Amino acid sequence: MLASATVGADARRHWRHYSRAIEGNPAENHVPGSLERGRYRYGGRYSRHDRRHLPTNILALVPLDWRKQAPDANQGEHRFVSPEGDAWIALSGRPAEEKSPDEYLRSLAFLNGEDVTYLRRERDWLVSFGFKDDKHQRKFYRKIMLSCDGHRWRHLTVEYPATTQSPLEQLIDDLSEVMDLTRNTGCEAAPSSSRQLALSPDQQRCVYSSVPKFAKAGLRMRLALGAEVPRDVKLFIFPGETYACDARLANFRYVVVEDQVVIVDPADYSIVDAISP
């Protein structure tokens, strides 16, 4: 423990030494996230994304029963809290004009109240992982990536009890992968969900025939495009065969209302399409 404390103190004064010391830590083998495990390489072949149908909208990965908190107007942050209230996910983006990438990542490598057990930093991204308190009862995972061809920083932070592993660490793994794979997408003003999907009649028929109709929601509302479904309505993930209709459906969820299949954007519970037989 004394040796570890000495390395930590020296590391804060000598960035490069600390970075190498942390990366050699045995805890590296237990860090969630795809990029730091080396499964994804920029420019290389990567078929697992398509096979697992991960969404290109990272908000679609957030579990449907996690509560969305009111956004911070200053941070532009999306924050979601677990049903138990003991874990949270925060996603945010910031302009990259104020500091150089090196200065920016240095400023966020070590934050107050964190005991970093794993740190990996490259020219334009950083991943850190460790504990949030002296008793090591809570863990944190932070990933920062320069996106949009160097114009915007994207942040992912997850905090959760140290006793929690799978499936939360699998969720972190998926969030990390989608960050990697959508690094330079979604940089323009986001289109509305309805324009983003815009299924053809053939695709609508394909979706309708592939979706189970047994789980119906007793909604009493006009199913208009853009209308918001109540947050207590259970949304369902499309079955695997539905992705053959349109792979973008991985970003959305559905619910059956009477005889209609209603496609919903899980980011804001807005109706994207309502397909009749």
Protein backbone atom coordinates (compact mmCIF):
# COMPACT_ATOMS: atom_id res chain seq x y z
CA MET A 1 0.00 0.00 0.00
CA LEU A 2 2.89 2.38 0.81
CA ALA A 3 4.48 1.67 -2.57
CA SER A 4 1.20 2.30 -4.29
CA ALA A 5 0.75 5.63 -2.51
CA THR A 6 4.29 6.65 -3.49
CA VAL A 7 3.66 5.81 -7.13
CA GLY A 8 0.42 7.79 -7.03
CA ALA A 9 2.10 10.87 -5.54
CA ASP A 10 4.97 10.76 -8.02
CA ALA A 11 2.59 10.16 -10.87
CA ARG A 12 0.68 13.35 -10.29
CA ARG A 13 3.94 15.22 -10.78
CA HIS A 14 5.12 13.15 -13.74
CA TRP A 15 2.28 12.42 -16.10
CA ARG A 16 4.00 9.93 -18.37
CA HIS A 17 5.31 7.78 -15.52
CA TYR A 18 1.91 7.65 -13.92
CA SER A 19 0.21 6.71 -17.13
CA ARG A 20 2.50 3.71 -17.63
CA ALA A 21 2.28 2.65 -14.00
CA ILE A 22 -1.51 2.63 -14.05
CA GLU A 23 -1.70 0.73 -17.34
CA GLY A 24 0.44 -1.99 -15.83
CA ASN A 25 -1.93 -2.40 -12.91
CA PRO A 26 -3.52 -5.89 -12.65
CA ALA A 27 -6.90 -4.13 -12.42
CA GLU A 28 -6.62 -3.49 -16.17
CA ASN A 29 -8.02 -6.94 -16.87
CA HIS A 30 -11.24 -6.05 -15.06
CA VAL A 31 -11.95 -2.67 -16.61
CA PRO A 32 -15.29 -2.48 -18.46
CA GLY A 33 -15.42 -0.91 -21.87
CA SER A 34 -14.48 -2.04 -25.35
CA LEU A 35 -11.74 0.34 -26.37
CA GLU A 36 -9.42 -0.32 -23.43
CA ARG A 37 -9.79 -4.08 -23.87
CA GLY A 38 -8.47 -3.73 -27.38
CA ARG A 39 -11.42 -5.28 -29.20
CA TYR A 40 -11.89 -2.21 -31.37
CA ARG A 41 -9.19 -0.73 -33.57
CA TYR A 42 -9.74 2.37 -35.65
CA GLY A 43 -9.68 1.55 -39.31
CA GLY A 44 -9.76 -2.18 -38.68
CA ARG A 45 -12.42 -4.74 -39.37
CA TYR A 46 -15.14 -4.83 -36.76
CA SER A 47 -18.18 -6.96 -37.43
CA ARG A 48 -19.42 -7.46 -33.85
CA HIS A 49 -21.29 -4.13 -33.95
CA ASP A 50 -23.48 -5.22 -36.86
CA ARG A 51 -23.96 -8.71 -35.49
CA ARG A 52 -25.21 -7.45 -32.12
CA HIS A 53 -27.29 -4.63 -33.64
CA LEU A 54 -25.94 -1.95 -31.32
CA PRO A 55 -27.74 1.36 -31.88
CA THR A 56 -26.11 4.43 -33.35
CA ASN A 57 -28.04 6.59 -30.88
CA ILE A 58 -26.20 6.06 -27.61
CA LEU A 59 -29.26 7.13 -25.57
CA ALA A 60 -31.08 4.07 -26.87
CA LEU A 61 -28.75 1.92 -24.74
CA VAL A 62 -29.88 3.44 -21.45
CA PRO A 63 -32.20 0.95 -19.67
CA LEU A 64 -35.81 1.96 -20.04
CA ASP A 65 -36.48 1.88 -16.29
CA TRP A 66 -33.71 4.37 -15.50
CA ARG A 67 -35.06 7.82 -14.60
CA LYS A 68 -33.92 10.79 -16.64
CA GLN A 69 -33.02 13.77 -14.49
CA ALA A 70 -33.62 17.36 -15.50
CA PRO A 71 -30.75 18.43 -17.79
CA ASP A 72 -28.12 20.86 -16.57
CA ALA A 73 -28.39 23.89 -18.83
CA ASN A 74 -24.73 24.76 -18.24
CA GLN A 75 -23.33 21.31 -18.96
CA GLY A 76 -25.71 20.10 -21.68
CA GLU A 77 -25.76 16.77 -19.89
CA HIS A 78 -28.12 13.81 -20.10
CA ARG A 79 -28.17 12.03 -16.73
CA PHE A 80 -30.04 8.83 -15.92
CA VAL A 81 -30.44 7.23 -12.48
CA SER A 82 -31.06 3.54 -11.82
CA PRO A 83 -34.39 2.41 -10.28
CA GLU A 84 -32.59 1.75 -6.98
CA GLY A 85 -30.97 5.20 -7.06
CA ASP A 86 -27.48 3.80 -6.45
CA ALA A 87 -26.06 4.14 -9.99
CA TRP A 88 -26.09 6.79 -12.69
CA ILE A 89 -25.01 7.40 -16.27
CA ALA A 90 -24.10 10.86 -17.59
CA LEU A 91 -23.59 11.73 -21.26
CA SER A 92 -22.53 15.16 -22.45
CA GLY A 93 -20.78 17.06 -25.21
CA ARG A 94 -18.68 20.21 -25.13
CA PRO A 95 -17.01 22.44 -27.75
CA ALA A 96 -13.30 21.75 -28.21
CA GLU A 97 -12.08 25.29 -28.92
CA GLU A 98 -11.08 26.41 -25.41
CA LYS A 99 -8.03 24.20 -24.70
CA SER A 100 -5.65 21.98 -26.60
CA PRO A 101 -6.48 18.25 -26.42
CA ASP A 102 -3.49 17.69 -24.15
CA GLU A 103 -4.53 20.41 -21.71
CA TYR A 104 -8.15 19.29 -21.71
CA LEU A 105 -7.41 15.63 -21.01
CA ARG A 106 -4.86 16.48 -18.34
CA SER A 107 -7.45 18.56 -16.50
CA LEU A 108 -9.85 15.61 -16.33
CA ALA A 109 -7.49 12.71 -15.69
CA PHE A 110 -7.63 13.05 -11.88
CA LEU A 111 -10.63 14.52 -10.11
CA ASN A 112 -11.18 15.12 -6.42
CA GLY A 113 -12.50 12.14 -4.50
CA GLU A 114 -11.29 9.56 -7.04
CA ASP A 115 -8.81 6.74 -6.55
CA VAL A 116 -7.75 5.91 -10.11
CA THR A 117 -6.74 2.27 -10.61
CA TYR A 118 -6.65 2.32 -14.41
CA LEU A 119 -5.77 5.16 -16.75
CA ARG A 120 -5.20 5.10 -20.47
CA ARG A 121 -4.73 8.22 -22.51
CA GLU A 122 -3.95 8.79 -26.15
CA ARG A 123 -3.70 12.01 -28.14
CA ASP A 124 -7.45 12.56 -28.36
CA TRP A 125 -9.15 10.28 -25.85
CA LEU A 126 -8.94 9.19 -22.25
CA VAL A 127 -10.36 6.35 -20.17
CA SER A 128 -10.11 6.23 -16.40
CA PHE A 129 -11.56 3.79 -13.93
CA GLY A 130 -11.36 3.35 -10.17
CA PHE A 131 -13.06 4.02 -6.87
CA LYS A 132 -14.96 7.06 -5.65
CA ASP A 133 -14.31 6.82 -1.93
CA ASP A 134 -11.67 5.72 0.58
CA LYS A 135 -13.67 2.62 1.50
CA HIS A 136 -13.78 1.50 -2.14
CA GLN A 137 -17.54 0.99 -2.00
CA ARG A 138 -18.28 2.80 -5.25
CA LYS A 139 -16.69 2.60 -8.69
CA PHE A 140 -16.54 5.11 -11.53
CA TYR A 141 -15.84 4.78 -15.24
CA ARG A 142 -15.05 7.85 -17.36
CA LYS A 143 -14.42 8.08 -21.08
CA ILE A 144 -13.67 11.31 -22.94
CA MET A 145 -13.25 11.38 -26.70
CA LEU A 146 -12.52 14.13 -29.22
CA SER A 147 -15.21 13.78 -31.89
CA CYS A 148 -16.72 15.56 -34.86
CA ASP A 149 -13.35 15.88 -36.62
CA GLY A 150 -11.80 17.59 -33.60
CA HIS A 151 -14.58 20.08 -32.92
CA ARG A 152 -16.36 18.49 -29.97
CA TRP A 153 -15.57 16.49 -26.83
CA ARG A 154 -17.90 13.66 -25.88
CA HIS A 155 -18.08 12.52 -22.27
CA LEU A 156 -19.37 9.33 -20.71
CA THR A 157 -19.36 8.87 -16.93
CA VAL A 158 -20.85 5.98 -14.97
CA GLU A 159 -20.88 5.61 -11.19
CA TYR A 160 -22.14 2.49 -9.43
CA PRO A 161 -21.68 0.33 -6.31
CA ALA A 162 -18.47 -1.70 -6.23
CA THR A 163 -20.50 -4.86 -5.66
CA THR A 164 -22.30 -4.39 -8.99
CA GLN A 165 -20.75 -6.09 -12.00
CA SER A 166 -22.73 -7.70 -14.79
CA PRO A 167 -25.04 -6.56 -16.36
CA LEU A 168 -23.99 -2.95 -15.59
CA GLU A 169 -20.43 -3.51 -16.75
CA GLN A 170 -21.81 -5.03 -19.95
CA LEU A 171 -23.83 -1.84 -20.39
CA ILE A 172 -20.63 0.21 -19.99
CA ASP A 173 -19.03 -2.04 -22.58
CA ASP A 174 -21.84 -1.28 -25.05
CA LEU A 175 -21.81 2.46 -24.33
CA SER A 176 -18.06 2.54 -24.96
CA GLU A 177 -18.41 0.67 -28.26
CA VAL A 178 -21.09 3.02 -29.55
CA MET A 179 -18.90 6.02 -28.66
CA ASP A 180 -16.08 4.51 -30.72
CA LEU A 181 -18.22 3.64 -33.68
CA THR A 182 -20.12 6.94 -33.86
CA ARG A 183 -17.16 9.17 -33.23
CA ASN A 184 -17.82 11.50 -36.16
CA THR A 185 -21.54 10.99 -36.65
CA GLY A 186 -24.42 13.05 -35.33
CA CYS A 187 -22.29 16.20 -35.39
CA GLU A 188 -24.79 18.31 -37.28
CA ALA A 189 -28.06 19.50 -35.80
CA ALA A 190 -29.99 16.35 -34.94
CA PRO A 191 -32.95 15.68 -37.24
CA SER A 192 -36.28 14.80 -35.76
CA SER A 193 -36.81 11.11 -35.06
CA SER A 194 -39.54 10.83 -37.70
CA ARG A 195 -37.29 12.20 -40.45
CA GLN A 196 -34.45 10.06 -39.17
CA LEU A 197 -36.43 6.84 -39.67
CA ALA A 198 -38.99 7.47 -42.47
CA LEU A 199 -39.86 3.84 -43.26
CA SER A 200 -41.15 2.98 -46.72
CA PRO A 201 -44.50 1.13 -47.08
CA ASP A 202 -42.64 -2.14 -47.70
CA GLN A 203 -40.53 -1.61 -44.58
CA GLN A 204 -43.64 -0.83 -42.53
CA ARG A 205 -45.26 -4.08 -43.66
CA CYS A 206 -42.04 -5.93 -42.83
CA VAL A 207 -41.97 -4.44 -39.32
CA TYR A 208 -45.62 -5.14 -38.65
CA SER A 209 -45.37 -8.80 -39.67
CA SER A 210 -42.23 -9.44 -37.58
CA VAL A 211 -43.35 -7.89 -34.27
CA PRO A 212 -45.23 -9.98 -31.64
CA LYS A 213 -48.65 -8.50 -30.84
CA PHE A 214 -49.30 -10.14 -27.46
CA ALA A 215 -48.03 -7.32 -25.22
CA LYS A 216 -50.50 -4.51 -25.70
CA ALA A 217 -50.49 -1.18 -23.91
CA GLY A 218 -53.80 0.37 -22.90
CA LEU A 219 -52.91 3.84 -24.11
CA ARG A 220 -55.65 6.44 -24.35
CA MET A 221 -53.98 9.04 -26.54
CA ARG A 222 -53.78 10.23 -30.10
CA LEU A 223 -50.93 8.38 -31.78
CA ALA A 224 -49.53 11.37 -33.62
CA LEU A 225 -45.93 11.69 -34.77
CA GLY A 226 -43.91 13.51 -32.12
CA ALA A 227 -46.45 12.90 -29.34
CA GLU A 228 -44.86 11.60 -26.13
CA VAL A 229 -45.80 8.22 -24.71
CA PRO A 230 -46.13 8.27 -20.89
CA ARG A 231 -42.90 7.26 -19.15
CA ASP A 232 -44.57 4.46 -17.21
CA VAL A 233 -45.42 2.59 -20.44
CA LYS A 234 -43.16 -0.41 -20.93
CA LEU A 235 -41.35 -0.27 -24.26
CA PHE A 236 -39.99 -3.35 -26.01
CA ILE A 237 -36.84 -4.07 -28.00
CA PHE A 238 -37.51 -5.22 -31.55
CA PRO A 239 -36.92 -8.91 -32.21
CA GLY A 240 -33.81 -9.78 -34.18
CA GLU A 241 -35.65 -10.50 -37.43
CA THR A 242 -37.08 -6.98 -37.49
CA TYR A 243 -33.63 -5.50 -38.09
CA ALA A 244 -33.74 -7.04 -41.57
CA CYS A 245 -36.49 -4.51 -42.32
CA ASP A 246 -34.24 -1.57 -41.39
CA ALA A 247 -31.09 -1.74 -39.25
CA ARG A 248 -31.84 1.71 -37.77
CA LEU A 249 -34.63 0.15 -35.71
CA ALA A 250 -31.93 -0.79 -33.19
CA ASN A 251 -32.17 2.85 -32.08
CA PHE A 252 -35.87 2.60 -31.30
CA ARG A 253 -38.38 0.63 -29.22
CA TYR A 254 -41.98 -0.34 -29.81
CA VAL A 255 -45.29 -0.87 -28.10
CA VAL A 256 -48.53 -2.37 -29.45
CA VAL A 257 -51.65 -0.22 -29.09
CA GLU A 258 -54.85 -1.97 -30.19
CA ASP A 259 -53.88 -3.18 -33.67
CA GLN A 260 -51.03 -0.72 -34.29
CA VAL A 261 -47.29 -1.14 -33.82
CA VAL A 262 -46.08 2.17 -32.37
CA ILE A 263 -42.36 2.93 -32.82
CA VAL A 264 -40.95 5.10 -30.04
CA ASP A 265 -37.68 6.99 -29.61
CA PRO A 266 -36.44 5.93 -26.13
CA ALA A 267 -34.44 9.14 -25.74
CA ASP A 268 -37.58 11.24 -25.27
CA TYR A 269 -40.47 8.72 -25.60
CA SER A 270 -41.72 10.48 -28.73
CA ILE A 271 -43.71 8.54 -31.33
CA VAL A 272 -41.75 8.01 -34.53
CA ASP A 273 -44.28 5.95 -36.45
CA ALA A 274 -47.55 4.11 -35.92
CA ILE A 275 -48.01 1.16 -38.28
CA SER A 276 -51.44 -0.27 -38.97
CA PRO A 277 -52.14 -3.70 -40.48
